[in-house]
Amino acid sequence: MKNCSYCGRENEDAAVYCVECATEFQPSPDPAADAGLTDPALSLVILATFRNVVDAGMLKMRLKAEGIEACIPEELTPQIFWYAVPSPLERVTVRVAAKDFEAAKVILAEDTSQPPS
């Protein structure tokens, strides 16, 4: 049985609303869903910084080809003038999970050590 936080009425455990005042009960947190939020191995770390989304996207695709998930949080921000007047304050970051950071650093080093053809 659970008690309503508004009127104090006792309700069945499966109740979604209070039978007395119709206050909606908050769903109980799922511990399995929260595990991904608290696992330090899944926290995002910055792997590399670029001046534009195109260069960052190329690294993201390379990492994906190697089985490493990456994200570019800034990829949906407006970048109208980045090619004409790049700002030193505006940077695009490629981020990976902490557990994949070392493997991603190796891939990044391989890509930057090869001269462009």
PDB file of N, CA and C in Angstrom:
ATOM      1  N   MET A   1       0.849  -1.178   0.000  1.00  0.00           N
ATOM      2  CA  MET A   1       0.000   0.000   0.000  1.00  0.00           C
ATOM      3  C   MET A   1       0.899   1.247   0.000  1.00  0.00           C
ATOM      4  N   LYS A   2       0.422   2.285  -0.691  1.00  0.00           N
ATOM      5  CA  LYS A   2       1.161   3.546  -0.674  1.00  0.00           C
ATOM      6  C   LYS A   2       0.214   4.678  -0.310  1.00  0.00           C
ATOM      7  N   ASN A   3       0.775   5.654   0.362  1.00  0.00           N
ATOM      8  CA  ASN A   3      -0.017   6.793   0.812  1.00  0.00           C
ATOM      9  C   ASN A   3       0.123   7.949  -0.167  1.00  0.00           C
ATOM     10  N   CYS A   4      -0.983   8.674  -0.357  1.00  0.00           N
ATOM     11  CA  CYS A   4      -0.982   9.853  -1.217  1.00  0.00           C
ATOM     12  C   CYS A   4      -0.223  10.978  -0.512  1.00  0.00           C
ATOM     13  N   SER A   5       0.646  11.648  -1.241  1.00  0.00           N
ATOM     14  CA  SER A   5       1.422  12.745  -0.653  1.00  0.00           C
ATOM     15  C   SER A   5       0.564  13.995  -0.448  1.00  0.00           C
ATOM     16  N   TYR A   6      -0.601  14.076  -1.103  1.00  0.00           N
ATOM     17  CA  TYR A   6      -1.452  15.254  -0.982  1.00  0.00           C
ATOM     18  C   TYR A   6      -2.489  15.109   0.130  1.00  0.00           C
ATOM     19  N   CYS A   7      -3.267  14.008   0.079  1.00  0.00           N
ATOM     20  CA  CYS A   7      -4.356  13.863   1.051  1.00  0.00           C
ATOM     21  C   CYS A   7      -4.081  12.802   2.115  1.00  0.00           C
ATOM     22  N   GLY A   8      -3.063  11.976   1.917  1.00  0.00           N
ATOM     23  CA  GLY A   8      -2.719  10.960   2.910  1.00  0.00           C
ATOM     24  C   GLY A   8      -3.490   9.663   2.776  1.00  0.00           C
ATOM     25  N   ARG A   9      -4.369   9.550   1.806  1.00  0.00           N
ATOM     26  CA  ARG A   9      -5.187   8.344   1.629  1.00  0.00           C
ATOM     27  C   ARG A   9      -4.302   7.165   1.247  1.00  0.00           C
ATOM     28  N   GLU A  10      -4.632   5.997   1.809  1.00  0.00           N
ATOM     29  CA  GLU A  10      -3.902   4.778   1.488  1.00  0.00           C
ATOM     30  C   GLU A  10      -4.455   4.196   0.190  1.00  0.00           C
ATOM     31  N   ASN A  11      -3.569   3.864  -0.744  1.00  0.00           N
ATOM     32  CA  ASN A  11      -3.958   3.338  -2.053  1.00  0.00           C
ATOM     33  C   ASN A  11      -3.220   2.031  -2.320  1.00  0.00           C
ATOM     34  N   GLU A  12      -3.715   1.299  -3.288  1.00  0.00           N
ATOM     35  CA  GLU A  12      -3.058   0.057  -3.711  1.00  0.00           C
ATOM     36  C   GLU A  12      -1.690   0.389  -4.296  1.00  0.00           C
ATOM     37  N   ASP A  13      -0.771  -0.547  -4.227  1.00  0.00           N
ATOM     38  CA  ASP A  13       0.578  -0.335  -4.759  1.00  0.00           C
ATOM     39  C   ASP A  13       0.576  -0.090  -6.269  1.00  0.00           C
ATOM     40  N   ALA A  14      -0.364  -0.702  -6.991  1.00  0.00           N
ATOM     41  CA  ALA A  14      -0.412  -0.572  -8.448  1.00  0.00           C
ATOM     42  C   ALA A  14      -1.157   0.679  -8.904  1.00  0.00           C
ATOM     43  N   ALA A  15      -1.715   1.461  -7.977  1.00  0.00           N
ATOM     44  CA  ALA A  15      -2.510   2.636  -8.338  1.00  0.00           C
ATOM     45  C   ALA A  15      -1.641   3.697  -9.011  1.00  0.00           C
ATOM     46  N   VAL A  16      -2.197   4.322 -10.032  1.00  0.00           N
ATOM     47  CA  VAL A  16      -1.516   5.393 -10.737  1.00  0.00           C
ATOM     48  C   VAL A  16      -1.981   6.749 -10.190  1.00  0.00           C
ATOM     49  N   TYR A  17      -3.269   6.808  -9.778  1.00  0.00           N
ATOM     50  CA  TYR A  17      -3.855   8.014  -9.204  1.00  0.00           C
ATOM     51  C   TYR A  17      -4.448   7.686  -7.838  1.00  0.00           C
ATOM     52  N   CYS A  18      -4.518   8.672  -6.975  1.00  0.00           N
ATOM     53  CA  CYS A  18      -5.140   8.504  -5.658  1.00  0.00           C
ATOM     54  C   CYS A  18      -6.644   8.359  -5.846  1.00  0.00           C
ATOM     55  N   VAL A  19      -7.253   7.403  -5.155  1.00  0.00           N
ATOM     56  CA  VAL A  19      -8.695   7.192  -5.274  1.00  0.00           C
ATOM     57  C   VAL A  19      -9.477   8.305  -4.576  1.00  0.00           C
ATOM     58  N   GLU A  20      -8.863   9.033  -3.693  1.00  0.00           N
ATOM     59  CA  GLU A  20      -9.535  10.109  -2.954  1.00  0.00           C
ATOM     60  C   GLU A  20      -9.484  11.444  -3.697  1.00  0.00           C
ATOM     61  N   CYS A  21      -8.279  11.879  -4.093  1.00  0.00           N
ATOM     62  CA  CYS A  21      -8.122  13.230  -4.652  1.00  0.00           C
ATOM     63  C   CYS A  21      -7.625  13.246  -6.097  1.00  0.00           C
ATOM     64  N   ALA A  22      -7.346  12.119  -6.672  1.00  0.00           N
ATOM     65  CA  ALA A  22      -6.900  11.965  -8.059  1.00  0.00           C
ATOM     66  C   ALA A  22      -5.502  12.529  -8.314  1.00  0.00           C
ATOM     67  N   THR A  23      -4.700  12.668  -7.262  1.00  0.00           N
ATOM     68  CA  THR A  23      -3.316  13.084  -7.437  1.00  0.00           C
ATOM     69  C   THR A  23      -2.546  11.954  -8.106  1.00  0.00           C
ATOM     70  N   GLU A  24      -1.752  12.307  -9.130  1.00  0.00           N
ATOM     71  CA  GLU A  24      -0.988  11.289  -9.840  1.00  0.00           C
ATOM     72  C   GLU A  24       0.242  10.905  -9.028  1.00  0.00           C
ATOM     73  N   PHE A  25       0.459   9.605  -8.903  1.00  0.00           N
ATOM     74  CA  PHE A  25       1.652   9.114  -8.205  1.00  0.00           C
ATOM     75  C   PHE A  25       2.836   9.157  -9.151  1.00  0.00           C
ATOM     76  N   GLN A  26       3.990   9.548  -8.632  1.00  0.00           N
ATOM     77  CA  GLN A  26       5.218   9.544  -9.417  1.00  0.00           C
ATOM     78  C   GLN A  26       5.697   8.101  -9.546  1.00  0.00           C
ATOM     79  N   PRO A  27       6.110   7.691 -10.743  1.00  0.00           N
ATOM     80  CA  PRO A  27       6.608   6.321 -10.888  1.00  0.00           C
ATOM     81  C   PRO A  27       7.868   6.123 -10.060  1.00  0.00           C
ATOM     82  N   SER A  28       7.995   4.943  -9.490  1.00  0.00           N
ATOM     83  CA  SER A  28       9.191   4.661  -8.702  1.00  0.00           C
ATOM     84  C   SER A  28      10.381   4.515  -9.642  1.00  0.00           C
ATOM     85  N   PRO A  29      11.543   5.034  -9.250  1.00  0.00           N
ATOM     86  CA  PRO A  29      12.711   4.971 -10.138  1.00  0.00           C
ATOM     87  C   PRO A  29      13.146   3.537 -10.401  1.00  0.00           C
ATOM     88  N   ASP A  30      13.564   3.312 -11.644  1.00  0.00           N
ATOM     89  CA  ASP A  30      14.048   1.999 -12.049  1.00  0.00           C
ATOM     90  C   ASP A  30      15.555   1.949 -11.802  1.00  0.00           C
ATOM     91  N   PRO A  31      16.029   1.109 -10.869  1.00  0.00           N
ATOM     92  CA  PRO A  31      17.466   1.087 -10.571  1.00  0.00           C
ATOM     93  C   PRO A  31      18.317   0.670 -11.767  1.00  0.00           C
ATOM     94  N   ALA A  32      17.783  -0.137 -12.667  1.00  0.00           N
ATOM     95  CA  ALA A  32      18.549  -0.552 -13.841  1.00  0.00           C
ATOM     96  C   ALA A  32      18.775   0.624 -14.789  1.00  0.00           C
ATOM     97  N   ALA A  33      17.772   1.512 -14.892  1.00  0.00           N
ATOM     98  CA  ALA A  33      17.915   2.676 -15.771  1.00  0.00           C
ATOM     99  C   ALA A  33      18.943   3.655 -15.215  1.00  0.00           C
ATOM    100  N   ASP A  34      19.027   3.783 -13.907  1.00  0.00           N
ATOM    101  CA  ASP A  34      19.966   4.712 -13.297  1.00  0.00           C
ATOM    102  C   ASP A  34      21.404   4.198 -13.316  1.00  0.00           C
ATOM    103  N   ALA A  35      21.603   2.911 -13.518  1.00  0.00           N
ATOM    104  CA  ALA A  35      22.957   2.356 -13.501  1.00  0.00           C
ATOM    105  C   ALA A  35      23.817   2.973 -14.595  1.00  0.00           C
ATOM    106  N   GLY A  36      23.234   3.219 -15.772  1.00  0.00           N
ATOM    107  CA  GLY A  36      23.983   3.823 -16.867  1.00  0.00           C
ATOM    108  C   GLY A  36      24.365   5.266 -16.594  1.00  0.00           C
ATOM    109  N   LEU A  37      23.613   5.926 -15.725  1.00  0.00           N
ATOM    110  CA  LEU A  37      23.908   7.323 -15.410  1.00  0.00           C
ATOM    111  C   LEU A  37      25.005   7.466 -14.367  1.00  0.00           C
ATOM    112  N   THR A  38      25.232   6.433 -13.589  1.00  0.00           N
ATOM    113  CA  THR A  38      26.212   6.532 -12.512  1.00  0.00           C
ATOM    114  C   THR A  38      27.495   5.750 -12.790  1.00  0.00           C
ATOM    115  N   ASP A  39      27.549   5.014 -13.871  1.00  0.00           N
ATOM    116  CA  ASP A  39      28.731   4.227 -14.196  1.00  0.00           C
ATOM    117  C   ASP A  39      29.812   5.144 -14.763  1.00  0.00           C
ATOM    118  N   PRO A  40      30.941   5.319 -14.066  1.00  0.00           N
ATOM    119  CA  PRO A  40      31.981   6.221 -14.561  1.00  0.00           C
ATOM    120  C   PRO A  40      32.587   5.771 -15.887  1.00  0.00           C
ATOM    121  N   ALA A  41      32.518   4.495 -16.206  1.00  0.00           N
ATOM    122  CA  ALA A  41      33.079   4.013 -17.473  1.00  0.00           C
ATOM    123  C   ALA A  41      32.267   4.502 -18.663  1.00  0.00           C
ATOM    124  N   LEU A  42      31.016   4.910 -18.421  1.00  0.00           N
ATOM    125  CA  LEU A  42      30.162   5.381 -19.508  1.00  0.00           C
ATOM    126  C   LEU A  42      30.110   6.898 -19.603  1.00  0.00           C
ATOM    127  N   SER A  43      30.812   7.603 -18.725  1.00  0.00           N
ATOM    128  CA  SER A  43      30.813   9.065 -18.787  1.00  0.00           C
ATOM    129  C   SER A  43      31.591   9.515 -20.019  1.00  0.00           C
ATOM    130  N   LEU A  44      31.156  10.625 -20.604  1.00  0.00           N
ATOM    131  CA  LEU A  44      31.779  11.114 -21.828  1.00  0.00           C
ATOM    132  C   LEU A  44      33.019  11.946 -21.520  1.00  0.00           C
ATOM    133  N   VAL A  45      34.062  11.713 -22.295  1.00  0.00           N
ATOM    134  CA  VAL A  45      35.296  12.481 -22.181  1.00  0.00           C
ATOM    135  C   VAL A  45      35.649  13.026 -23.565  1.00  0.00           C
ATOM    136  N   ILE A  46      36.294  14.188 -23.576  1.00  0.00           N
ATOM    137  CA  ILE A  46      36.674  14.821 -24.842  1.00  0.00           C
ATOM    138  C   ILE A  46      37.903  14.120 -25.404  1.00  0.00           C
ATOM    139  N   LEU A  47      37.763  13.616 -26.608  1.00  0.00           N
ATOM    140  CA  LEU A  47      38.872  12.955 -27.295  1.00  0.00           C
ATOM    141  C   LEU A  47      39.671  13.959 -28.119  1.00  0.00           C
ATOM    142  N   ALA A  48      38.966  14.816 -28.856  1.00  0.00           N
ATOM    143  CA  ALA A  48      39.643  15.776 -29.733  1.00  0.00           C
ATOM    144  C   ALA A  48      38.770  17.002 -29.934  1.00  0.00           C
ATOM    145  N   THR A  49      39.405  18.089 -30.313  1.00  0.00           N
ATOM    146  CA  THR A  49      38.721  19.355 -30.567  1.00  0.00           C
ATOM    147  C   THR A  49      39.034  19.805 -31.990  1.00  0.00           C
ATOM    148  N   PHE A  50      38.000  20.294 -32.695  1.00  0.00           N
ATOM    149  CA  PHE A  50      38.148  20.726 -34.082  1.00  0.00           C
ATOM    150  C   PHE A  50      37.555  22.114 -34.266  1.00  0.00           C
ATOM    151  N   ARG A  51      37.871  22.719 -35.407  1.00  0.00           N
ATOM    152  CA  ARG A  51      37.331  24.044 -35.718  1.00  0.00           C
ATOM    153  C   ARG A  51      35.984  23.954 -36.408  1.00  0.00           C
ATOM    154  N   ASN A  52      35.620  22.779 -36.957  1.00  0.00           N
ATOM    155  CA  ASN A  52      34.335  22.668 -37.647  1.00  0.00           C
ATOM    156  C   ASN A  52      33.772  21.261 -37.505  1.00  0.00           C
ATOM    157  N   VAL A  53      32.509  21.152 -37.826  1.00  0.00           N
ATOM    158  CA  VAL A  53      31.800  19.877 -37.687  1.00  0.00           C
ATOM    159  C   VAL A  53      32.246  18.866 -38.727  1.00  0.00           C
ATOM    160  N   VAL A  54      32.678  19.320 -39.878  1.00  0.00           N
ATOM    161  CA  VAL A  54      33.095  18.401 -40.944  1.00  0.00           C
ATOM    162  C   VAL A  54      34.292  17.568 -40.497  1.00  0.00           C
ATOM    163  N   ASP A  55      35.307  18.230 -39.968  1.00  0.00           N
ATOM    164  CA  ASP A  55      36.493  17.502 -39.512  1.00  0.00           C
ATOM    165  C   ASP A  55      36.158  16.585 -38.332  1.00  0.00           C
ATOM    166  N   ALA A  56      35.339  17.079 -37.417  1.00  0.00           N
ATOM    167  CA  ALA A  56      34.930  16.262 -36.276  1.00  0.00           C
ATOM    168  C   ALA A  56      34.115  15.062 -36.741  1.00  0.00           C
ATOM    169  N   GLY A  57      33.270  15.271 -37.733  1.00  0.00           N
ATOM    170  CA  GLY A  57      32.449  14.183 -38.270  1.00  0.00           C
ATOM    171  C   GLY A  57      33.276  13.087 -38.917  1.00  0.00           C
ATOM    172  N   MET A  58      34.379  13.469 -39.536  1.00  0.00           N
ATOM    173  CA  MET A  58      35.251  12.461 -40.151  1.00  0.00           C
ATOM    174  C   MET A  58      35.852  11.545 -39.087  1.00  0.00           C
ATOM    175  N   LEU A  59      36.274  12.130 -37.960  1.00  0.00           N
ATOM    176  CA  LEU A  59      36.796  11.301 -36.871  1.00  0.00           C
ATOM    177  C   LEU A  59      35.700  10.433 -36.281  1.00  0.00           C
ATOM    178  N   LYS A  60      34.516  11.000 -36.129  1.00  0.00           N
ATOM    179  CA  LYS A  60      33.394  10.227 -35.578  1.00  0.00           C
ATOM    180  C   LYS A  60      33.092   9.010 -36.460  1.00  0.00           C
ATOM    181  N   MET A  61      33.112   9.195 -37.777  1.00  0.00           N
ATOM    182  CA  MET A  61      32.867   8.069 -38.689  1.00  0.00           C
ATOM    183  C   MET A  61      33.979   7.027 -38.596  1.00  0.00           C
ATOM    184  N   ARG A  62      35.217   7.480 -38.470  1.00  0.00           N
ATOM    185  CA  ARG A  62      36.362   6.556 -38.338  1.00  0.00           C
ATOM    186  C   ARG A  62      36.233   5.725 -37.067  1.00  0.00           C
ATOM    187  N   LEU A  63      35.840   6.376 -35.970  1.00  0.00           N
ATOM    188  CA  LEU A  63      35.651   5.656 -34.710  1.00  0.00           C
ATOM    189  C   LEU A  63      34.510   4.655 -34.823  1.00  0.00           C
ATOM    190  N   LYS A  64      33.428   5.065 -35.480  1.00  0.00           N
ATOM    191  CA  LYS A  64      32.287   4.161 -35.654  1.00  0.00           C
ATOM    192  C   LYS A  64      32.684   2.929 -36.454  1.00  0.00           C
ATOM    193  N   ALA A  65      33.536   3.117 -37.463  1.00  0.00           N
ATOM    194  CA  ALA A  65      34.003   1.986 -38.267  1.00  0.00           C
ATOM    195  C   ALA A  65      34.804   0.998 -37.430  1.00  0.00           C
ATOM    196  N   GLU A  66      35.430   1.491 -36.359  1.00  0.00           N
ATOM    197  CA  GLU A  66      36.202   0.630 -35.460  1.00  0.00           C
ATOM    198  C   GLU A  66      35.363   0.108 -34.293  1.00  0.00           C
ATOM    199  N   GLY A  67      34.069   0.439 -34.280  1.00  0.00           N
ATOM    200  CA  GLY A  67      33.182  -0.065 -33.242  1.00  0.00           C
ATOM    201  C   GLY A  67      33.143   0.781 -31.973  1.00  0.00           C
ATOM    202  N   ILE A  68      33.593   2.018 -32.068  1.00  0.00           N
ATOM    203  CA  ILE A  68      33.577   2.911 -30.906  1.00  0.00           C
ATOM    204  C   ILE A  68      32.524   3.987 -31.136  1.00  0.00           C
ATOM    205  N   GLU A  69      31.582   4.076 -30.212  1.00  0.00           N
ATOM    206  CA  GLU A  69      30.558   5.110 -30.311  1.00  0.00           C
ATOM    207  C   GLU A  69      31.144   6.445 -29.902  1.00  0.00           C
ATOM    208  N   ALA A  70      30.821   7.474 -30.662  1.00  0.00           N
ATOM    209  CA  ALA A  70      31.292   8.825 -30.365  1.00  0.00           C
ATOM    210  C   ALA A  70      30.146   9.792 -30.614  1.00  0.00           C
ATOM    211  N   CYS A  71      30.249  10.968 -30.016  1.00  0.00           N
ATOM    212  CA  CYS A  71      29.235  11.982 -30.254  1.00  0.00           C
ATOM    213  C   CYS A  71      29.898  13.340 -30.408  1.00  0.00           C
ATOM    214  N   ILE A  72      29.185  14.223 -31.078  1.00  0.00           N
ATOM    215  CA  ILE A  72      29.617  15.605 -31.265  1.00  0.00           C
ATOM    216  C   ILE A  72      28.487  16.473 -30.728  1.00  0.00           C
ATOM    217  N   PRO A  73      28.562  16.897 -29.472  1.00  0.00           N
ATOM    218  CA  PRO A  73      27.456  17.660 -28.886  1.00  0.00           C
ATOM    219  C   PRO A  73      27.138  18.951 -29.629  1.00  0.00           C
ATOM    220  N   GLU A  74      28.113  19.559 -30.266  1.00  0.00           N
ATOM    221  CA  GLU A  74      27.909  20.841 -30.932  1.00  0.00           C
ATOM    222  C   GLU A  74      27.419  20.708 -32.373  1.00  0.00           C
ATOM    223  N   GLU A  75      27.183  19.492 -32.871  1.00  0.00           N
ATOM    224  CA  GLU A  75      26.906  19.337 -34.298  1.00  0.00           C
ATOM    225  C   GLU A  75      25.577  19.943 -34.736  1.00  0.00           C
ATOM    226  N   LEU A  76      24.685  20.231 -33.825  1.00  0.00           N
ATOM    227  CA  LEU A  76      23.411  20.825 -34.210  1.00  0.00           C
ATOM    228  C   LEU A  76      23.343  22.328 -33.922  1.00  0.00           C
ATOM    229  N   THR A  77      24.432  22.909 -33.493  1.00  0.00           N
ATOM    230  CA  THR A  77      24.440  24.353 -33.246  1.00  0.00           C
ATOM    231  C   THR A  77      24.650  25.097 -34.557  1.00  0.00           C
ATOM    232  N   PRO A  78      24.086  26.294 -34.681  1.00  0.00           N
ATOM    233  CA  PRO A  78      24.273  27.058 -35.927  1.00  0.00           C
ATOM    234  C   PRO A  78      25.734  27.413 -36.145  1.00  0.00           C
ATOM    235  N   GLN A  79      26.204  27.207 -37.370  1.00  0.00           N
ATOM    236  CA  GLN A  79      27.598  27.466 -37.702  1.00  0.00           C
ATOM    237  C   GLN A  79      27.690  28.241 -39.005  1.00  0.00           C
ATOM    238  N   ILE A  80      26.929  29.267 -39.116  1.00  0.00           N
ATOM    239  CA  ILE A  80      26.819  29.990 -40.375  1.00  0.00           C
ATOM    240  C   ILE A  80      28.157  30.590 -40.806  1.00  0.00           C
ATOM    241  N   PHE A  81      28.873  31.214 -39.898  1.00  0.00           N
ATOM    242  CA  PHE A  81      30.079  31.939 -40.266  1.00  0.00           C
ATOM    243  C   PHE A  81      31.368  31.228 -39.873  1.00  0.00           C
ATOM    244  N   TRP A  82      31.312  29.986 -39.442  1.00  0.00           N
ATOM    245  CA  TRP A  82      32.515  29.296 -38.984  1.00  0.00           C
ATOM    246  C   TRP A  82      33.560  29.148 -40.073  1.00  0.00           C
ATOM    247  N   TYR A  83      33.124  28.999 -41.319  1.00  0.00           N
ATOM    248  CA  TYR A  83      34.093  28.814 -42.397  1.00  0.00           C
ATOM    249  C   TYR A  83      34.721  30.149 -42.795  1.00  0.00           C
ATOM    250  N   ALA A  84      33.966  31.240 -42.715  1.00  0.00           N
ATOM    251  CA  ALA A  84      34.481  32.551 -43.104  1.00  0.00           C
ATOM    252  C   ALA A  84      35.311  33.187 -41.995  1.00  0.00           C
ATOM    253  N   VAL A  85      34.768  33.190 -40.802  1.00  0.00           N
ATOM    254  CA  VAL A  85      35.446  33.830 -39.673  1.00  0.00           C
ATOM    255  C   VAL A  85      35.414  32.882 -38.480  1.00  0.00           C
ATOM    256  N   PRO A  86      36.310  31.903 -38.421  1.00  0.00           N
ATOM    257  CA  PRO A  86      36.287  30.980 -37.283  1.00  0.00           C
ATOM    258  C   PRO A  86      36.680  31.706 -35.996  1.00  0.00           C
ATOM    259  N   SER A  87      35.919  31.463 -34.968  1.00  0.00           N
ATOM    260  CA  SER A  87      36.187  32.089 -33.679  1.00  0.00           C
ATOM    261  C   SER A  87      37.086  31.177 -32.851  1.00  0.00           C
ATOM    262  N   PRO A  88      38.071  31.746 -32.165  1.00  0.00           N
ATOM    263  CA  PRO A  88      38.913  30.900 -31.312  1.00  0.00           C
ATOM    264  C   PRO A  88      38.149  30.346 -30.115  1.00  0.00           C
ATOM    265  N   LEU A  89      37.004  30.929 -29.824  1.00  0.00           N
ATOM    266  CA  LEU A  89      36.212  30.456 -28.688  1.00  0.00           C
ATOM    267  C   LEU A  89      35.259  29.329 -29.066  1.00  0.00           C
ATOM    268  N   GLU A  90      34.938  29.221 -30.347  1.00  0.00           N
ATOM    269  CA  GLU A  90      34.000  28.193 -30.786  1.00  0.00           C
ATOM    270  C   GLU A  90      34.768  26.966 -31.259  1.00  0.00           C
ATOM    271  N   ARG A  91      34.564  25.892 -30.592  1.00  0.00           N
ATOM    272  CA  ARG A  91      35.231  24.640 -30.930  1.00  0.00           C
ATOM    273  C   ARG A  91      34.191  23.523 -30.990  1.00  0.00           C
ATOM    274  N   VAL A  92      34.505  22.509 -31.751  1.00  0.00           N
ATOM    275  CA  VAL A  92      33.660  21.333 -31.887  1.00  0.00           C
ATOM    276  C   VAL A  92      34.422  20.173 -31.265  1.00  0.00           C
ATOM    277  N   THR A  93      33.782  19.448 -30.360  1.00  0.00           N
ATOM    278  CA  THR A  93      34.454  18.362 -29.663  1.00  0.00           C
ATOM    279  C   THR A  93      33.895  17.013 -30.075  1.00  0.00           C
ATOM    280  N   VAL A  94      34.778  16.032 -30.129  1.00  0.00           N
ATOM    281  CA  VAL A  94      34.381  14.639 -30.318  1.00  0.00           C
ATOM    282  C   VAL A  94      34.562  13.972 -28.966  1.00  0.00           C
ATOM    283  N   ARG A  95      33.482  13.348 -28.476  1.00  0.00           N
ATOM    284  CA  ARG A  95      33.526  12.734 -27.153  1.00  0.00           C
ATOM    285  C   ARG A  95      33.224  11.244 -27.251  1.00  0.00           C
ATOM    286  N   VAL A  96      33.885  10.484 -26.392  1.00  0.00           N
ATOM    287  CA  VAL A  96      33.695   9.033 -26.322  1.00  0.00           C
ATOM    288  C   VAL A  96      33.502   8.646 -24.863  1.00  0.00           C
ATOM    289  N   ALA A  97      33.010   7.432 -24.651  1.00  0.00           N
ATOM    290  CA  ALA A  97      32.877   6.916 -23.291  1.00  0.00           C
ATOM    291  C   ALA A  97      34.262   6.711 -22.699  1.00  0.00           C
ATOM    292  N   ALA A  98      34.385   6.906 -21.406  1.00  0.00           N
ATOM    293  CA  ALA A  98      35.679   6.780 -20.734  1.00  0.00           C
ATOM    294  C   ALA A  98      36.295   5.402 -20.975  1.00  0.00           C
ATOM    295  N   LYS A  99      35.458   4.375 -21.068  1.00  0.00           N
ATOM    296  CA  LYS A  99      35.968   3.012 -21.274  1.00  0.00           C
ATOM    297  C   LYS A  99      36.605   2.840 -22.656  1.00  0.00           C
ATOM    298  N   ASP A 100      36.230   3.678 -23.622  1.00  0.00           N
ATOM    299  CA  ASP A 100      36.758   3.585 -24.983  1.00  0.00           C
ATOM    300  C   ASP A 100      37.853   4.607 -25.267  1.00  0.00           C
ATOM    301  N   PHE A 101      38.205   5.425 -24.284  1.00  0.00           N
ATOM    302  CA  PHE A 101      39.114   6.547 -24.518  1.00  0.00           C
ATOM    303  C   PHE A 101      40.486   6.104 -25.020  1.00  0.00           C
ATOM    304  N   GLU A 102      41.089   5.121 -24.394  1.00  0.00           N
ATOM    305  CA  GLU A 102      42.441   4.694 -24.791  1.00  0.00           C
ATOM    306  C   GLU A 102      42.462   4.147 -26.211  1.00  0.00           C
ATOM    307  N   ALA A 103      41.471   3.320 -26.558  1.00  0.00           N
ATOM    308  CA  ALA A 103      41.407   2.765 -27.919  1.00  0.00           C
ATOM    309  C   ALA A 103      41.164   3.872 -28.938  1.00  0.00           C
ATOM    310  N   ALA A 104      40.340   4.844 -28.573  1.00  0.00           N
ATOM    311  CA  ALA A 104      40.059   5.960 -29.477  1.00  0.00           C
ATOM    312  C   ALA A 104      41.289   6.833 -29.674  1.00  0.00           C
ATOM    313  N   LYS A 105      42.104   7.004 -28.622  1.00  0.00           N
ATOM    314  CA  LYS A 105      43.344   7.783 -28.750  1.00  0.00           C
ATOM    315  C   LYS A 105      44.289   7.134 -29.746  1.00  0.00           C
ATOM    316  N   VAL A 106      44.357   5.811 -29.750  1.00  0.00           N
ATOM    317  CA  VAL A 106      45.219   5.089 -30.698  1.00  0.00           C
ATOM    318  C   VAL A 106      44.746   5.340 -32.128  1.00  0.00           C
ATOM    319  N   ILE A 107      43.434   5.282 -32.343  1.00  0.00           N
ATOM    320  CA  ILE A 107      42.879   5.521 -33.683  1.00  0.00           C
ATOM    321  C   ILE A 107      43.143   6.955 -34.112  1.00  0.00           C
ATOM    322  N   LEU A 108      42.965   7.899 -33.197  1.00  0.00           N
ATOM    323  CA  LEU A 108      43.235   9.306 -33.501  1.00  0.00           C
ATOM    324  C   LEU A 108      44.699   9.512 -33.862  1.00  0.00           C
ATOM    325  N   ALA A 109      45.608   8.878 -33.146  1.00  0.00           N
ATOM    326  CA  ALA A 109      47.039   9.006 -33.421  1.00  0.00           C
ATOM    327  C   ALA A 109      47.380   8.418 -34.786  1.00  0.00           C
ATOM    328  N   GLU A 110      46.758   7.301 -35.149  1.00  0.00           N
ATOM    329  CA  GLU A 110      46.998   6.704 -36.464  1.00  0.00           C
ATOM    330  C   GLU A 110      46.532   7.627 -37.579  1.00  0.00           C
ATOM    331  N   ASP A 111      45.371   8.254 -37.389  1.00  0.00           N
ATOM    332  CA  ASP A 111      44.830   9.145 -38.410  1.00  0.00           C
ATOM    333  C   ASP A 111      45.655  10.405 -38.585  1.00  0.00           C
ATOM    334  N   THR A 112      46.186  10.939 -37.494  1.00  0.00           N
ATOM    335  CA  THR A 112      46.948  12.186 -37.602  1.00  0.00           C
ATOM    336  C   THR A 112      48.392  11.941 -38.037  1.00  0.00           C
ATOM    337  N   SER A 113      48.896  10.712 -37.903  1.00  0.00           N
ATOM    338  CA  SER A 113      50.276  10.439 -38.295  1.00  0.00           C
ATOM    339  C   SER A 113      50.421  10.187 -39.795  1.00  0.00           C
ATOM    340  N   GLN A 114      49.320   9.868 -40.477  1.00  0.00           N
ATOM    341  CA  GLN A 114      49.385   9.604 -41.909  1.00  0.00           C
ATOM    342  C   GLN A 114      49.178  10.899 -42.679  1.00  0.00           C
ATOM    343  N   PRO A 115      50.063  11.207 -43.623  1.00  0.00           N
ATOM    344  CA  PRO A 115      49.895  12.445 -44.415  1.00  0.00           C
ATOM    345  C   PRO A 115      48.683  12.315 -45.333  1.00  0.00           C
ATOM    346  N   PRO A 116      47.967  13.431 -45.578  1.00  0.00           N
ATOM    347  CA  PRO A 116      46.815  13.362 -46.483  1.00  0.00           C
ATOM    348  C   PRO A 116      47.263  13.046 -47.899  1.00  0.00           C
ATOM    349  N   SER A 117      46.454  12.260 -48.621  1.00  0.00           N
ATOM    350  CA  SER A 117      46.827  11.879 -49.983  1.00  0.00           C
ATOM    351  C   SER A 117      46.109  12.725 -50.995  1.00  0.00           C
TER     352      SER A 117
END
